[in-house]
C-alpha atoms as a PDB file:
ATOM      1  CA  UNK A   1      14.652  -6.053   4.923  1.00  0.00           C
ATOM      2  CA  UNK A   2      16.596  -9.073   5.812  1.00  0.00           C
ATOM      3  CA  UNK A   3      15.894 -12.636   4.864  1.00  0.00           C
ATOM      4  CA  UNK A   4      15.674 -15.822   6.885  1.00  0.00           C
ATOM      5  CA  UNK A   5      16.337 -19.190   5.263  1.00  0.00           C
ATOM      6  CA  UNK A   6      14.667 -22.068   7.089  1.00  0.00           C
ATOM      7  CA  UNK A   7      16.773 -25.174   7.594  1.00  0.00           C
ATOM      8  CA  UNK A   8      14.348 -27.199   5.449  1.00  0.00           C
ATOM      9  CA  UNK A   9      15.563 -25.291   2.377  1.00  0.00           C
ATOM     10  CA  UNK A  10      19.208 -24.770   3.305  1.00  0.00           C
ATOM     11  CA  UNK A  11      20.558 -27.444   0.978  1.00  0.00           C
ATOM     12  CA  UNK A  12      18.502 -26.083  -1.945  1.00  0.00           C
ATOM     13  CA  UNK A  13      19.262 -22.414  -1.342  1.00  0.00           C
ATOM     14  CA  UNK A  14      22.929 -22.764  -0.403  1.00  0.00           C
ATOM     15  CA  UNK A  15      23.768 -26.030  -2.166  1.00  0.00           C
ATOM     16  CA  UNK A  16      26.503 -26.478  -4.725  1.00  0.00           C
ATOM     17  CA  UNK A  17      23.887 -27.292  -7.377  1.00  0.00           C
ATOM     18  CA  UNK A  18      21.910 -24.041  -7.119  1.00  0.00           C
ATOM     19  CA  UNK A  19      18.224 -24.469  -7.882  1.00  0.00           C
ATOM     20  CA  UNK A  20      16.705 -21.982 -10.366  1.00  0.00           C
ATOM     21  CA  UNK A  21      14.044 -21.050  -7.803  1.00  0.00           C
ATOM     22  CA  UNK A  22      16.706 -19.694  -5.448  1.00  0.00           C
ATOM     23  CA  UNK A  23      19.096 -17.996  -7.880  1.00  0.00           C
ATOM     24  CA  UNK A  24      17.342 -14.643  -7.261  1.00  0.00           C
ATOM     25  CA  UNK A  25      17.880 -15.064  -3.511  1.00  0.00           C
ATOM     26  CA  UNK A  26      21.591 -15.788  -3.913  1.00  0.00           C
ATOM     27  CA  UNK A  27      21.964 -12.907  -6.363  1.00  0.00           C
ATOM     28  CA  UNK A  28      20.160 -10.584  -3.937  1.00  0.00           C
ATOM     29  CA  UNK A  29      22.439 -11.676  -1.086  1.00  0.00           C
ATOM     30  CA  UNK A  30      25.716 -11.505  -3.024  1.00  0.00           C
ATOM     31  CA  UNK A  31      25.411  -8.828  -5.714  1.00  0.00           C
ATOM     32  CA  UNK A  32      27.062  -5.498  -4.995  1.00  0.00           C
ATOM     33  CA  UNK A  33      24.174  -3.910  -6.902  1.00  0.00           C
ATOM     34  CA  UNK A  34      21.650  -5.294  -4.398  1.00  0.00           C
ATOM     35  CA  UNK A  35      21.312  -4.792  -0.664  1.00  0.00           C
ATOM     36  CA  UNK A  36      20.238  -8.202   0.606  1.00  0.00           C
ATOM     37  CA  UNK A  37      21.154  -9.468   4.046  1.00  0.00           C
ATOM     38  CA  UNK A  38      20.678 -12.799   5.749  1.00  0.00           C
ATOM     39  CA  UNK A  39      19.967 -13.091   9.464  1.00  0.00           C
ATOM     40  CA  UNK A  40      20.788 -16.117  11.579  1.00  0.00           C
ATOM     41  CA  UNK A  41      20.915 -16.959  15.235  1.00  0.00           C
ATOM     42  CA  UNK A  42      19.708 -19.281  17.931  1.00  0.00           C
ATOM     43  CA  UNK A  43      18.443 -22.722  17.021  1.00  0.00           C
ATOM     44  CA  UNK A  44      18.285 -21.801  13.326  1.00  0.00           C
ATOM     45  CA  UNK A  45      22.017 -21.017  13.284  1.00  0.00           C
ATOM     46  CA  UNK A  46      22.661 -24.432  14.819  1.00  0.00           C
ATOM     47  CA  UNK A  47      20.428 -26.122  12.235  1.00  0.00           C
ATOM     48  CA  UNK A  48      22.077 -24.292   9.319  1.00  0.00           C
ATOM     49  CA  UNK A  49      25.511 -25.114  10.683  1.00  0.00           C
ATOM     50  CA  UNK A  50      24.712 -28.827  10.263  1.00  0.00           C
ATOM     51  CA  UNK A  51      24.434 -28.358   6.477  1.00  0.00           C
ATOM     52  CA  UNK A  52      27.985 -27.961   5.175  1.00  0.00           C
ATOM     53  CA  UNK A  53      27.041 -25.879   2.125  1.00  0.00           C
ATOM     54  CA  UNK A  54      24.939 -23.554   4.306  1.00  0.00           C
ATOM     55  CA  UNK A  55      27.718 -23.274   6.900  1.00  0.00           C
ATOM     56  CA  UNK A  56      30.224 -22.229   4.206  1.00  0.00           C
ATOM     57  CA  UNK A  57      27.830 -19.812   2.530  1.00  0.00           C
ATOM     58  CA  UNK A  58      26.727 -18.132   5.759  1.00  0.00           C
ATOM     59  CA  UNK A  59      30.371 -17.746   6.789  1.00  0.00           C
ATOM     60  CA  UNK A  60      31.204 -16.051   3.494  1.00  0.00           C
ATOM     61  CA  UNK A  61      28.180 -13.747   3.833  1.00  0.00           C
ATOM     62  CA  UNK A  62      29.262 -12.834   7.373  1.00  0.00           C
ATOM     63  CA  UNK A  63      32.761 -11.996   6.149  1.00  0.00           C
ATOM     64  CA  UNK A  64      31.289  -9.853   3.377  1.00  0.00           C
ATOM     65  CA  UNK A  65      28.996  -8.009   5.789  1.00  0.00           C
ATOM     66  CA  UNK A  66      25.910  -9.486   4.099  1.00  0.00           C
ATOM     67  CA  UNK A  67      24.745 -11.554   7.077  1.00  0.00           C
ATOM     68  CA  UNK A  68      24.087 -10.758  10.711  1.00  0.00           C
ATOM     69  CA  UNK A  69      24.120 -13.034  13.719  1.00  0.00           C
ATOM     70  CA  UNK A  70      21.516 -12.214  16.342  1.00  0.00           C
ATOM     71  CA  UNK A  71      22.392 -13.196  19.940  1.00  0.00           C
ATOM     72  CA  UNK A  72      21.086 -16.644  20.859  1.00  0.00           C
ATOM     73  CA  UNK A  73      19.898 -15.545  24.312  1.00  0.00           C
ATOM     74  CA  UNK A  74      17.658 -12.860  22.803  1.00  0.00           C
ATOM     75  CA  UNK A  75      16.144 -15.315  20.338  1.00  0.00           C
ATOM     76  CA  UNK A  76      15.619 -17.982  22.987  1.00  0.00           C
ATOM     77  CA  UNK A  77      13.824 -15.551  25.304  1.00  0.00           C
ATOM     78  CA  UNK A  78      11.578 -14.273  22.522  1.00  0.00           C
ATOM     79  CA  UNK A  79      10.860 -17.831  21.335  1.00  0.00           C
ATOM     80  CA  UNK A  80       9.605 -18.706  24.822  1.00  0.00           C
ATOM     81  CA  UNK A  81       7.274 -15.681  24.690  1.00  0.00           C
ATOM     82  CA  UNK A  82       5.697 -16.633  21.348  1.00  0.00           C
ATOM     83  CA  UNK A  83       5.805 -20.450  21.473  1.00  0.00           C
ATOM     84  CA  UNK A  84       2.222 -20.835  22.678  1.00  0.00           C
ATOM     85  CA  UNK A  85       0.938 -18.675  19.815  1.00  0.00           C
ATOM     86  CA  UNK A  86       2.701 -20.620  17.059  1.00  0.00           C
ATOM     87  CA  UNK A  87       1.090 -23.304  14.938  1.00  0.00           C
ATOM     88  CA  UNK A  88       4.538 -24.546  13.874  1.00  0.00           C
ATOM     89  CA  UNK A  89       7.348 -25.912  15.993  1.00  0.00           C
ATOM     90  CA  UNK A  90       9.533 -23.029  14.789  1.00  0.00           C
ATOM     91  CA  UNK A  91       9.007 -20.350  17.428  1.00  0.00           C
ATOM     92  CA  UNK A  92      12.761 -19.702  17.138  1.00  0.00           C
ATOM     93  CA  UNK A  93      12.289 -18.551  13.509  1.00  0.00           C
ATOM     94  CA  UNK A  94       9.431 -16.240  14.501  1.00  0.00           C
ATOM     95  CA  UNK A  95      11.584 -14.902  17.342  1.00  0.00           C
ATOM     96  CA  UNK A  96      14.468 -14.266  14.937  1.00  0.00           C
ATOM     97  CA  UNK A  97      12.161 -12.310  12.633  1.00  0.00           C
ATOM     98  CA  UNK A  98      10.712 -10.261  15.482  1.00  0.00           C
ATOM     99  CA  UNK A  99      14.106  -9.351  16.896  1.00  0.00           C
ATOM    100  CA  UNK A 100      15.982  -8.777  13.632  1.00  0.00           C
ATOM    101  CA  UNK A 101      13.232  -7.092  11.634  1.00  0.00           C
ATOM    102  CA  UNK A 102      13.544  -9.706   8.854  1.00  0.00           C
ATOM    103  CA  UNK A 103      10.281  -9.993   6.953  1.00  0.00           C
ATOM    104  CA  UNK A 104      11.105 -12.444   4.173  1.00  0.00           C
ATOM    105  CA  UNK A 105      11.283 -16.164   4.877  1.00  0.00           C
ATOM    106  CA  UNK A 106      12.483 -18.923   2.543  1.00  0.00           C
ATOM    107  CA  UNK A 107      10.723 -22.076   3.668  1.00  0.00           C
ATOM    108  CA  UNK A 108       8.545 -24.960   2.529  1.00  0.00           C
ATOM    109  CA  UNK A 109       6.976 -25.487   5.968  1.00  0.00           C
ATOM    110  CA  UNK A 110       3.252 -24.708   5.663  1.00  0.00           C
ATOM    111  CA  UNK A 111       2.734 -24.277   9.422  1.00  0.00           C
ATOM    112  CA  UNK A 112       5.677 -21.878   9.609  1.00  0.00           C
ATOM    113  CA  UNK A 113       4.177 -19.943   6.663  1.00  0.00           C
ATOM    114  CA  UNK A 114       0.991 -19.547   8.685  1.00  0.00           C
ATOM    115  CA  UNK A 115       2.941 -18.232  11.680  1.00  0.00           C
ATOM    116  CA  UNK A 116       5.226 -15.970   9.628  1.00  0.00           C
ATOM    117  CA  UNK A 117       2.294 -14.272   7.899  1.00  0.00           C
ATOM    118  CA  UNK A 118       0.175 -14.025  11.066  1.00  0.00           C
ATOM    119  CA  UNK A 119      -0.101 -10.312  11.978  1.00  0.00           C
ATOM    120  CA  UNK A 120      -0.469 -11.248  15.651  1.00  0.00           C
ATOM    121  CA  UNK A 121       3.084 -12.638  15.493  1.00  0.00           C
ATOM    122  CA  UNK A 122       4.790 -10.500  12.834  1.00  0.00           C
ATOM    123  CA  UNK A 123       3.453  -7.127  11.788  1.00  0.00           C
ATOM    124  CA  UNK A 124       4.556  -3.692  10.612  1.00  0.00           C
ATOM    125  CA  UNK A 125       5.504  -4.805   8.070  1.00  0.00           C
ATOM    126  CA  UNK A 126       3.947  -8.228   7.695  1.00  0.00           C
ATOM    127  CA  UNK A 127       6.014 -11.302   6.995  1.00  0.00           C
ATOM    128  CA  UNK A 128       6.258 -12.636   3.442  1.00  0.00           C
ATOM    129  CA  UNK A 129       7.234 -16.127   2.267  1.00  0.00           C
ATOM    130  CA  UNK A 130       9.558 -16.877  -0.649  1.00  0.00           C
ATOM    131  CA  UNK A 131       9.220 -20.418  -2.020  1.00  0.00           C
ATOM    132  CA  UNK A 132      10.103 -20.210  -5.704  1.00  0.00           C
ATOM    133  CA  UNK A 133      11.207 -17.900  -8.509  1.00  0.00           C
ATOM    134  CA  UNK A 134       7.683 -16.475  -8.919  1.00  0.00           C
ATOM    135  CA  UNK A 135       8.224 -14.793  -5.531  1.00  0.00           C
ATOM    136  CA  UNK A 136      11.261 -12.832  -6.763  1.00  0.00           C
ATOM    137  CA  UNK A 137       9.340  -9.511  -6.587  1.00  0.00           C
ATOM    138  CA  UNK A 138       9.322  -9.884  -2.782  1.00  0.00           C
ATOM    139  CA  UNK A 139      13.068  -9.267  -2.773  1.00  0.00           C
ATOM    140  CA  UNK A 140      12.631  -5.999  -4.623  1.00  0.00           C
ATOM    141  CA  UNK A 141       9.495  -4.835  -2.857  1.00  0.00           C
ATOM    142  CA  UNK A 142      10.229  -5.956   0.710  1.00  0.00           C
ATOM    143  CA  UNK A 143      13.958  -6.546   0.594  1.00  0.00           C
ATOM    144  CA  UNK A 144      15.448  -3.262   1.743  1.00  0.00           C
ATOM    145  CA  UNK A 145      18.010  -3.730   4.492  1.00  0.00           C
ATOM    146  CA  UNK A 146      17.321  -0.387   6.160  1.00  0.00           C
ATOM    147  CA  UNK A 147      14.203  -2.003   7.582  1.00  0.00           C
ATOM    148  CA  UNK A 148      16.338  -4.481   9.518  1.00  0.00           C
ATOM    149  CA  UNK A 149      17.134  -3.665  13.068  1.00  0.00           C
ATOM    150  CA  UNK A 150      20.821  -3.262  13.802  1.00  0.00           C
ATOM    151  CA  UNK A 151      21.128  -5.444  16.897  1.00  0.00           C
ATOM    152  CA  UNK A 152      23.999  -7.910  16.413  1.00  0.00           C
ATOM    153  CA  UNK A 153      25.899 -10.503  18.414  1.00  0.00           C
END
């Protein structure tokens, strides 16, 4: 599966001073021995672009074929469909997961966690939330890229 990094963690995940909690995520996304992929698009891509370390890191992942950009129009349309069902104000993240097939989310937003793990919004497989190093097994258990859909911008 692919991974989504919420803007609220971008500086911790992609920052120059890498936090221990997110070293497994970076290793999973960059190691040739692993098959991690990041997905971005829509409002989330705009939010990540505002964080210089995230902008640089996402660009390098794109160049390495380890990140995918999902078309903004697709995400925006899906976000409008699910907005009324979301507890959070992040329907664009739920839309990105639904369209891309990403089922792992790095975030510290409790309302978004509720939405991301809600089977009415994300199912087959269910969404999982990575917050710290104790969640590293999610990358191995749910982190296979073949589960990601191949739609790209």
